[in-house]
N, C-alpha and C. Protein backbone atom coordinates (compact mmCIF):
# COMPACT_ATOMS: atom_id res chain seq x y z
N MET A 1 39.77 12.53 21.36
CA MET A 1 39.44 11.30 20.97
C MET A 1 38.11 10.75 21.34
N ALA A 2 37.86 10.96 22.81
CA ALA A 2 36.63 10.58 23.24
C ALA A 2 35.57 11.23 22.58
N SER A 3 35.75 12.62 22.31
CA SER A 3 34.50 13.13 21.61
C SER A 3 34.13 12.67 20.20
N SER A 4 35.30 12.22 19.59
CA SER A 4 35.16 11.61 18.20
C SER A 4 34.40 10.24 18.35
N THR A 5 34.64 9.55 19.36
CA THR A 5 33.97 8.18 19.53
C THR A 5 32.54 8.38 19.93
N ALA A 6 32.25 9.37 20.71
CA ALA A 6 31.00 9.66 21.01
C ALA A 6 30.14 10.12 19.91
N ALA A 7 30.77 10.98 19.15
CA ALA A 7 30.22 11.58 17.77
C ALA A 7 29.90 10.37 16.73
N LEU A 8 30.82 9.43 16.72
CA LEU A 8 30.59 8.26 15.89
C LEU A 8 29.56 7.34 16.42
N ARG A 9 29.46 7.18 17.68
CA ARG A 9 28.39 6.45 18.26
C ARG A 9 26.87 7.10 18.05
N GLU A 10 26.95 8.37 18.03
CA GLU A 10 25.72 9.23 17.74
C GLU A 10 25.33 9.06 16.33
N LEU A 11 26.21 9.13 15.47
CA LEU A 11 25.97 8.96 14.01
C LEU A 11 25.33 7.48 13.78
N GLN A 12 25.91 6.52 14.43
CA GLN A 12 25.50 5.12 14.14
C GLN A 12 24.13 4.99 14.89
N ARG A 13 23.93 5.45 15.96
CA ARG A 13 22.51 5.54 16.55
C ARG A 13 21.53 6.09 15.71
N ASP A 14 22.00 7.17 15.14
CA ASP A 14 21.08 7.93 14.07
C ASP A 14 20.70 7.15 13.02
N LEU A 15 21.73 6.57 12.38
CA LEU A 15 21.68 5.56 11.22
C LEU A 15 20.71 4.38 11.51
N GLU A 16 20.84 3.77 12.70
CA GLU A 16 19.97 2.77 13.13
C GLU A 16 18.55 3.09 13.18
N ASN A 17 18.18 4.38 13.85
CA ASN A 17 16.90 4.94 13.85
C ASN A 17 16.24 5.05 12.41
N LYS A 18 17.20 5.69 11.57
CA LYS A 18 16.60 5.98 10.22
C LYS A 18 16.46 4.65 9.49
N ALA A 19 17.28 3.74 9.71
CA ALA A 19 17.18 2.35 8.97
C ALA A 19 15.86 1.76 9.58
N ASN A 20 15.60 1.81 10.77
CA ASN A 20 14.28 1.23 11.29
C ASN A 20 13.12 1.99 10.75
N ASP A 21 13.06 3.31 10.54
CA ASP A 21 12.02 4.03 9.86
C ASP A 21 11.89 3.56 8.45
N LEU A 22 13.02 3.40 7.81
CA LEU A 22 12.88 2.86 6.32
C LEU A 22 12.25 1.55 6.38
N SER A 23 12.72 0.67 7.25
CA SER A 23 11.95 -0.73 7.27
C SER A 23 10.57 -0.61 7.48
N LYS A 24 10.19 0.27 8.32
CA LYS A 24 8.53 0.28 8.66
C LYS A 24 7.93 0.89 7.40
N LEU A 25 8.52 1.77 6.77
CA LEU A 25 8.15 2.34 5.43
C LEU A 25 7.79 1.24 4.42
N GLN A 26 8.94 0.47 4.37
CA GLN A 26 8.86 -0.66 3.31
C GLN A 26 7.71 -1.72 3.57
N LYS A 27 7.55 -1.91 4.84
CA LYS A 27 6.48 -2.86 5.34
C LYS A 27 5.13 -2.16 4.90
N ASP A 28 5.12 -0.99 5.17
CA ASP A 28 3.79 -0.34 4.79
C ASP A 28 3.45 -0.30 3.32
N VAL A 29 4.57 -0.07 2.59
CA VAL A 29 4.32 -0.25 1.09
C VAL A 29 3.94 -1.67 0.68
N ALA A 30 4.63 -2.56 1.21
CA ALA A 30 4.24 -4.08 0.98
C ALA A 30 2.79 -4.37 1.29
N LYS A 31 2.30 -3.81 2.48
CA LYS A 31 0.92 -3.97 2.94
C LYS A 31 -0.13 -3.32 1.93
N ASN A 32 0.22 -2.20 1.54
CA ASN A 32 -0.38 -1.32 0.56
C ASN A 32 -0.64 -2.18 -0.67
N HIS A 33 0.48 -2.79 -1.13
CA HIS A 33 0.45 -3.65 -2.36
C HIS A 33 -0.52 -4.71 -2.19
N GLN A 34 -0.52 -5.43 -1.05
CA GLN A 34 -1.44 -6.56 -0.88
C GLN A 34 -2.84 -6.14 -0.84
N VAL A 35 -2.98 -5.02 -0.10
CA VAL A 35 -4.56 -4.57 -0.11
C VAL A 35 -5.12 -4.06 -1.54
N ARG A 36 -4.10 -3.46 -2.27
CA ARG A 36 -4.48 -3.04 -3.65
C ARG A 36 -4.65 -4.27 -4.54
N LYS A 37 -3.95 -5.19 -4.30
CA LYS A 37 -4.07 -6.52 -5.09
C LYS A 37 -5.53 -7.19 -4.91
N LYS A 38 -5.90 -7.11 -3.59
CA LYS A 38 -7.15 -7.69 -3.07
C LYS A 38 -8.23 -6.83 -3.82
N TYR A 39 -8.19 -5.40 -3.61
CA TYR A 39 -9.21 -4.77 -4.40
C TYR A 39 -9.35 -4.80 -5.84
N THR A 40 -8.07 -5.05 -6.48
CA THR A 40 -8.15 -5.17 -8.06
C THR A 40 -8.76 -6.53 -8.29
N ILE A 41 -8.65 -7.52 -7.63
CA ILE A 41 -9.32 -8.75 -7.81
C ILE A 41 -10.74 -8.54 -7.55
N GLN A 42 -11.21 -7.91 -6.59
CA GLN A 42 -12.62 -7.63 -6.26
C GLN A 42 -13.21 -6.75 -7.46
N LEU A 43 -12.61 -5.90 -7.92
CA LEU A 43 -13.02 -5.00 -8.97
C LEU A 43 -13.34 -5.85 -10.21
N GLY A 44 -12.32 -6.68 -10.59
CA GLY A 44 -12.46 -7.62 -11.62
C GLY A 44 -13.64 -8.44 -11.58
N GLU A 45 -13.79 -9.08 -10.36
CA GLU A 45 -15.08 -9.91 -10.20
C GLU A 45 -16.30 -9.17 -10.41
N ASN A 46 -16.47 -8.06 -9.80
CA ASN A 46 -17.62 -7.27 -9.92
C ASN A 46 -18.00 -6.82 -11.35
N GLU A 47 -16.92 -6.52 -12.01
CA GLU A 47 -17.05 -6.13 -13.43
C GLU A 47 -17.71 -7.16 -14.19
N LEU A 48 -17.18 -8.40 -13.82
CA LEU A 48 -17.66 -9.58 -14.51
C LEU A 48 -19.16 -9.96 -14.24
N VAL A 49 -19.40 -9.77 -12.93
CA VAL A 49 -20.84 -9.97 -12.51
C VAL A 49 -21.79 -8.88 -13.22
N LEU A 50 -21.30 -7.69 -13.36
CA LEU A 50 -22.22 -6.62 -13.96
C LEU A 50 -22.37 -7.13 -15.44
N LYS A 51 -21.31 -7.50 -16.25
CA LYS A 51 -21.48 -8.02 -17.54
C LYS A 51 -22.46 -9.13 -17.57
N GLU A 52 -22.42 -10.04 -16.75
CA GLU A 52 -23.42 -11.11 -16.76
C GLU A 52 -24.79 -10.68 -16.45
N LEU A 53 -25.01 -9.69 -15.58
CA LEU A 53 -26.33 -9.05 -15.32
C LEU A 53 -26.73 -8.36 -16.46
N ASP A 54 -25.99 -7.74 -17.22
CA ASP A 54 -26.18 -7.16 -18.34
C ASP A 54 -26.85 -7.84 -19.46
N LEU A 55 -26.32 -9.16 -19.51
CA LEU A 55 -26.82 -10.10 -20.40
C LEU A 55 -28.15 -10.73 -20.34
N LEU A 56 -28.58 -10.54 -19.00
CA LEU A 56 -29.88 -11.09 -18.56
C LEU A 56 -31.12 -10.20 -19.22
N ARG A 57 -32.29 -10.92 -19.33
CA ARG A 57 -33.42 -10.21 -19.88
C ARG A 57 -34.15 -9.66 -18.65
N GLU A 58 -34.95 -8.63 -18.89
CA GLU A 58 -35.32 -7.91 -17.76
C GLU A 58 -36.35 -8.74 -16.77
N ASP A 59 -36.87 -9.76 -17.46
CA ASP A 59 -37.74 -10.55 -16.56
C ASP A 59 -36.92 -11.72 -15.92
N ALA A 60 -35.72 -11.75 -16.05
CA ALA A 60 -35.06 -12.87 -15.50
C ALA A 60 -34.93 -12.84 -13.90
N ASN A 61 -34.87 -14.08 -13.40
CA ASN A 61 -34.72 -14.05 -11.89
C ASN A 61 -33.29 -14.00 -11.35
N VAL A 62 -33.10 -13.09 -10.49
CA VAL A 62 -31.83 -12.98 -9.90
C VAL A 62 -31.83 -13.13 -8.38
N TYR A 63 -30.89 -13.88 -7.87
CA TYR A 63 -30.80 -14.09 -6.48
C TYR A 63 -29.70 -13.74 -5.94
N LYS A 64 -29.70 -13.23 -4.57
CA LYS A 64 -28.61 -12.82 -3.85
C LYS A 64 -28.41 -13.77 -2.66
N LEU A 65 -27.10 -14.11 -2.41
CA LEU A 65 -26.75 -14.84 -1.29
C LEU A 65 -26.59 -14.07 -0.01
N ILE A 66 -27.47 -14.27 0.89
CA ILE A 66 -27.31 -13.54 2.20
C ILE A 66 -27.29 -14.65 3.29
N GLY A 67 -26.05 -14.85 3.81
CA GLY A 67 -25.70 -15.75 4.80
C GLY A 67 -26.01 -17.11 3.82
N PRO A 68 -26.76 -18.14 4.70
CA PRO A 68 -26.99 -19.36 3.89
C PRO A 68 -28.05 -19.39 2.98
N VAL A 69 -28.88 -18.07 2.65
CA VAL A 69 -30.07 -18.15 2.10
C VAL A 69 -30.00 -17.37 0.83
N LEU A 70 -30.67 -17.95 -0.29
CA LEU A 70 -30.72 -17.14 -1.48
C LEU A 70 -32.02 -16.49 -1.55
N VAL A 71 -31.94 -15.08 -1.71
CA VAL A 71 -33.08 -14.08 -1.67
C VAL A 71 -33.34 -13.55 -3.09
N LYS A 72 -34.38 -13.56 -3.57
CA LYS A 72 -34.80 -13.09 -4.70
C LYS A 72 -34.66 -11.44 -4.80
N GLN A 73 -34.00 -11.01 -5.87
CA GLN A 73 -33.58 -9.61 -6.06
C GLN A 73 -33.99 -9.07 -7.33
N ASP A 74 -34.54 -7.79 -7.38
CA ASP A 74 -34.75 -7.06 -8.58
C ASP A 74 -33.63 -7.03 -9.39
N LEU A 75 -33.69 -7.17 -10.70
CA LEU A 75 -32.49 -7.18 -11.62
C LEU A 75 -31.97 -5.76 -11.59
N ALA A 76 -32.78 -4.78 -11.58
CA ALA A 76 -32.21 -3.33 -11.63
C ALA A 76 -31.65 -3.01 -10.34
N GLU A 77 -32.05 -3.49 -9.16
CA GLU A 77 -31.43 -3.31 -7.98
C GLU A 77 -30.12 -3.99 -7.85
N ALA A 78 -30.08 -5.27 -8.46
CA ALA A 78 -28.80 -5.97 -8.52
C ALA A 78 -27.89 -5.22 -9.28
N ARG A 79 -28.14 -4.80 -10.44
CA ARG A 79 -27.21 -3.98 -11.33
C ARG A 79 -26.82 -2.77 -10.55
N ALA A 80 -27.63 -1.96 -9.92
CA ALA A 80 -27.31 -0.75 -9.16
C ALA A 80 -26.35 -1.10 -7.96
N ASN A 81 -26.54 -2.19 -7.27
CA ASN A 81 -25.62 -2.51 -6.20
C ASN A 81 -24.29 -2.93 -6.68
N VAL A 82 -24.14 -3.68 -7.81
CA VAL A 82 -22.99 -3.96 -8.42
C VAL A 82 -22.08 -2.70 -8.85
N ARG A 83 -22.94 -1.89 -9.57
CA ARG A 83 -22.37 -0.58 -9.92
C ARG A 83 -21.77 0.27 -8.66
N LYS A 84 -22.53 0.34 -7.65
CA LYS A 84 -22.01 1.07 -6.51
C LYS A 84 -20.87 0.54 -5.96
N ARG A 85 -20.74 -0.84 -5.84
CA ARG A 85 -19.67 -1.71 -5.45
C ARG A 85 -18.38 -1.26 -6.35
N ILE A 86 -18.63 -1.29 -7.43
CA ILE A 86 -17.44 -1.02 -8.58
C ILE A 86 -17.04 0.43 -8.28
N GLU A 87 -17.97 1.37 -7.99
CA GLU A 87 -17.52 2.77 -7.70
C GLU A 87 -16.82 2.83 -6.39
N TYR A 88 -17.17 2.22 -5.37
CA TYR A 88 -16.48 2.10 -4.18
C TYR A 88 -15.14 1.68 -4.22
N ILE A 89 -15.04 0.43 -4.91
CA ILE A 89 -13.70 -0.11 -5.12
C ILE A 89 -12.79 0.61 -5.79
N SER A 90 -13.32 1.31 -7.02
CA SER A 90 -12.49 2.26 -7.81
C SER A 90 -12.02 3.40 -6.94
N ALA A 91 -12.78 3.88 -6.11
CA ALA A 91 -12.36 5.00 -5.28
C ALA A 91 -11.25 4.57 -4.24
N GLU A 92 -11.45 3.39 -3.67
CA GLU A 92 -10.42 2.75 -2.82
C GLU A 92 -9.26 2.67 -3.44
N LEU A 93 -9.15 2.14 -4.73
CA LEU A 93 -7.96 1.96 -5.47
C LEU A 93 -7.32 3.24 -5.65
N LYS A 94 -8.04 4.28 -5.93
CA LYS A 94 -7.39 5.65 -6.27
C LYS A 94 -6.73 6.12 -4.89
N ARG A 95 -7.43 5.92 -3.67
CA ARG A 95 -7.00 6.34 -2.48
C ARG A 95 -5.61 5.61 -2.18
N LEU A 96 -5.62 4.29 -2.42
CA LEU A 96 -4.43 3.45 -2.20
C LEU A 96 -3.35 3.89 -3.09
N ASP A 97 -3.53 4.25 -4.32
CA ASP A 97 -2.61 4.72 -5.31
C ASP A 97 -1.88 5.97 -4.71
N ALA A 98 -2.68 6.83 -4.33
CA ALA A 98 -2.17 8.12 -3.61
C ALA A 98 -1.36 7.93 -2.50
N THR A 99 -1.80 6.95 -1.61
CA THR A 99 -1.11 6.57 -0.39
C THR A 99 0.25 5.93 -0.77
N LEU A 100 0.16 5.05 -1.66
CA LEU A 100 1.32 4.37 -2.21
C LEU A 100 2.40 5.28 -2.66
N GLN A 101 2.03 6.34 -3.51
CA GLN A 101 2.90 7.47 -4.14
C GLN A 101 3.56 8.10 -2.87
N ASP A 102 2.81 8.50 -1.94
CA ASP A 102 3.23 9.20 -0.77
C ASP A 102 4.29 8.25 -0.11
N LEU A 103 3.92 7.04 0.15
CA LEU A 103 4.95 6.05 0.85
C LEU A 103 6.15 5.97 0.06
N GLU A 104 6.18 5.81 -1.12
CA GLU A 104 7.15 5.63 -1.98
C GLU A 104 8.11 6.89 -1.98
N ASP A 105 7.50 8.12 -2.03
CA ASP A 105 8.31 9.34 -1.83
C ASP A 105 9.04 9.40 -0.55
N LYS A 106 8.38 9.05 0.57
CA LYS A 106 8.95 9.06 1.85
C LYS A 106 10.08 8.02 1.91
N GLN A 107 9.85 6.90 1.33
CA GLN A 107 10.79 5.79 1.38
C GLN A 107 12.11 6.22 0.63
N LYS A 108 11.96 6.89 -0.62
CA LYS A 108 13.13 7.43 -1.28
C LYS A 108 13.83 8.51 -0.48
N SER A 109 13.22 9.41 0.16
CA SER A 109 13.75 10.27 1.02
C SER A 109 14.57 9.55 2.10
N LYS A 110 13.94 8.59 2.71
CA LYS A 110 14.72 7.94 3.83
C LYS A 110 15.83 7.20 3.33
N GLN A 111 15.82 6.54 2.16
CA GLN A 111 16.86 5.90 1.61
C GLN A 111 18.06 6.91 1.45
N GLU A 112 17.77 7.94 0.89
CA GLU A 112 18.79 8.94 0.70
C GLU A 112 19.49 9.33 2.02
N THR A 113 18.67 9.47 3.01
CA THR A 113 19.19 9.95 4.28
C THR A 113 20.11 8.93 4.90
N VAL A 114 19.53 7.71 4.76
CA VAL A 114 20.40 6.51 5.32
C VAL A 114 21.66 6.49 4.62
N LEU A 115 21.61 6.73 3.24
CA LEU A 115 23.02 6.62 2.38
C LEU A 115 23.82 7.71 2.80
N LYS A 116 23.31 8.95 3.07
CA LYS A 116 24.31 10.04 3.37
C LYS A 116 24.80 9.82 4.83
N LEU A 117 24.13 9.15 5.84
CA LEU A 117 24.64 8.95 7.13
C LEU A 117 25.75 7.80 6.98
N GLN A 118 25.50 6.79 6.21
CA GLN A 118 26.52 5.62 5.94
C GLN A 118 27.79 6.32 5.46
N GLN A 119 27.70 7.35 4.43
CA GLN A 119 28.84 7.94 3.84
C GLN A 119 29.59 8.76 4.94
N ARG A 120 28.77 9.44 5.86
CA ARG A 120 29.41 10.28 6.88
C ARG A 120 30.16 9.38 7.93
N ILE A 121 29.53 8.22 8.20
CA ILE A 121 30.20 7.37 9.18
C ILE A 121 31.52 6.70 8.59
N GLN A 122 31.38 6.39 7.30
CA GLN A 122 32.65 5.82 6.56
C GLN A 122 33.71 6.93 6.45
N SER A 123 33.25 8.15 6.13
CA SER A 123 34.30 9.23 5.95
C SER A 123 34.88 9.51 7.37
N PHE A 124 34.03 9.47 8.38
CA PHE A 124 34.58 9.69 9.75
C PHE A 124 35.54 8.63 10.17
N GLN A 125 35.16 7.41 10.01
CA GLN A 125 35.95 6.28 10.41
C GLN A 125 37.45 6.28 9.59
N ALA A 126 37.37 6.69 8.23
CA ALA A 126 38.47 6.80 7.39
C ALA A 126 39.33 7.96 8.08
N GLY A 127 38.80 8.95 8.39
CA GLY A 127 39.52 10.13 9.03
C GLY A 127 40.13 9.72 10.28
N LYS A 128 39.39 8.87 11.09
CA LYS A 128 39.82 8.53 12.51
C LYS A 128 41.01 7.48 12.22
N GLY A 129 40.98 6.72 11.29
CA GLY A 129 41.93 5.71 11.11
C GLY A 129 43.27 6.28 10.65
N LYS A 130 43.16 7.44 9.95
CA LYS A 130 44.50 8.13 9.42
C LYS A 130 45.03 8.93 10.64
N ALA A 131 44.28 9.24 11.58
CA ALA A 131 44.92 10.13 12.60
C ALA A 131 45.75 9.42 13.55
């Protein structure tokens, strides 16, 4: 009887640990979604800026805000900078997508483990109640 109580406690402790791990994974997934949303917004803004720059004539004046000062910038350089920024943001989004997929796979695995542990505890308690 004492060994079955100890086994039940061990299962419950294991369940609690796995549930905590699952909770951490869920927080990481939520954090990933927030960062991804921020990058998606930045990508849209930069694509809009590039479209605006493409509408300008080659002799147009372009200014870049550096701190509190507007500094004149070459149009070709401004376009190149925005394209590089778009490349960087796109690469970060791909990286975040891969990380998100990995986190979701781990989360699914943990959920299955937690469910199996819960079922084992329930069957253990049901068996103990019958005895």
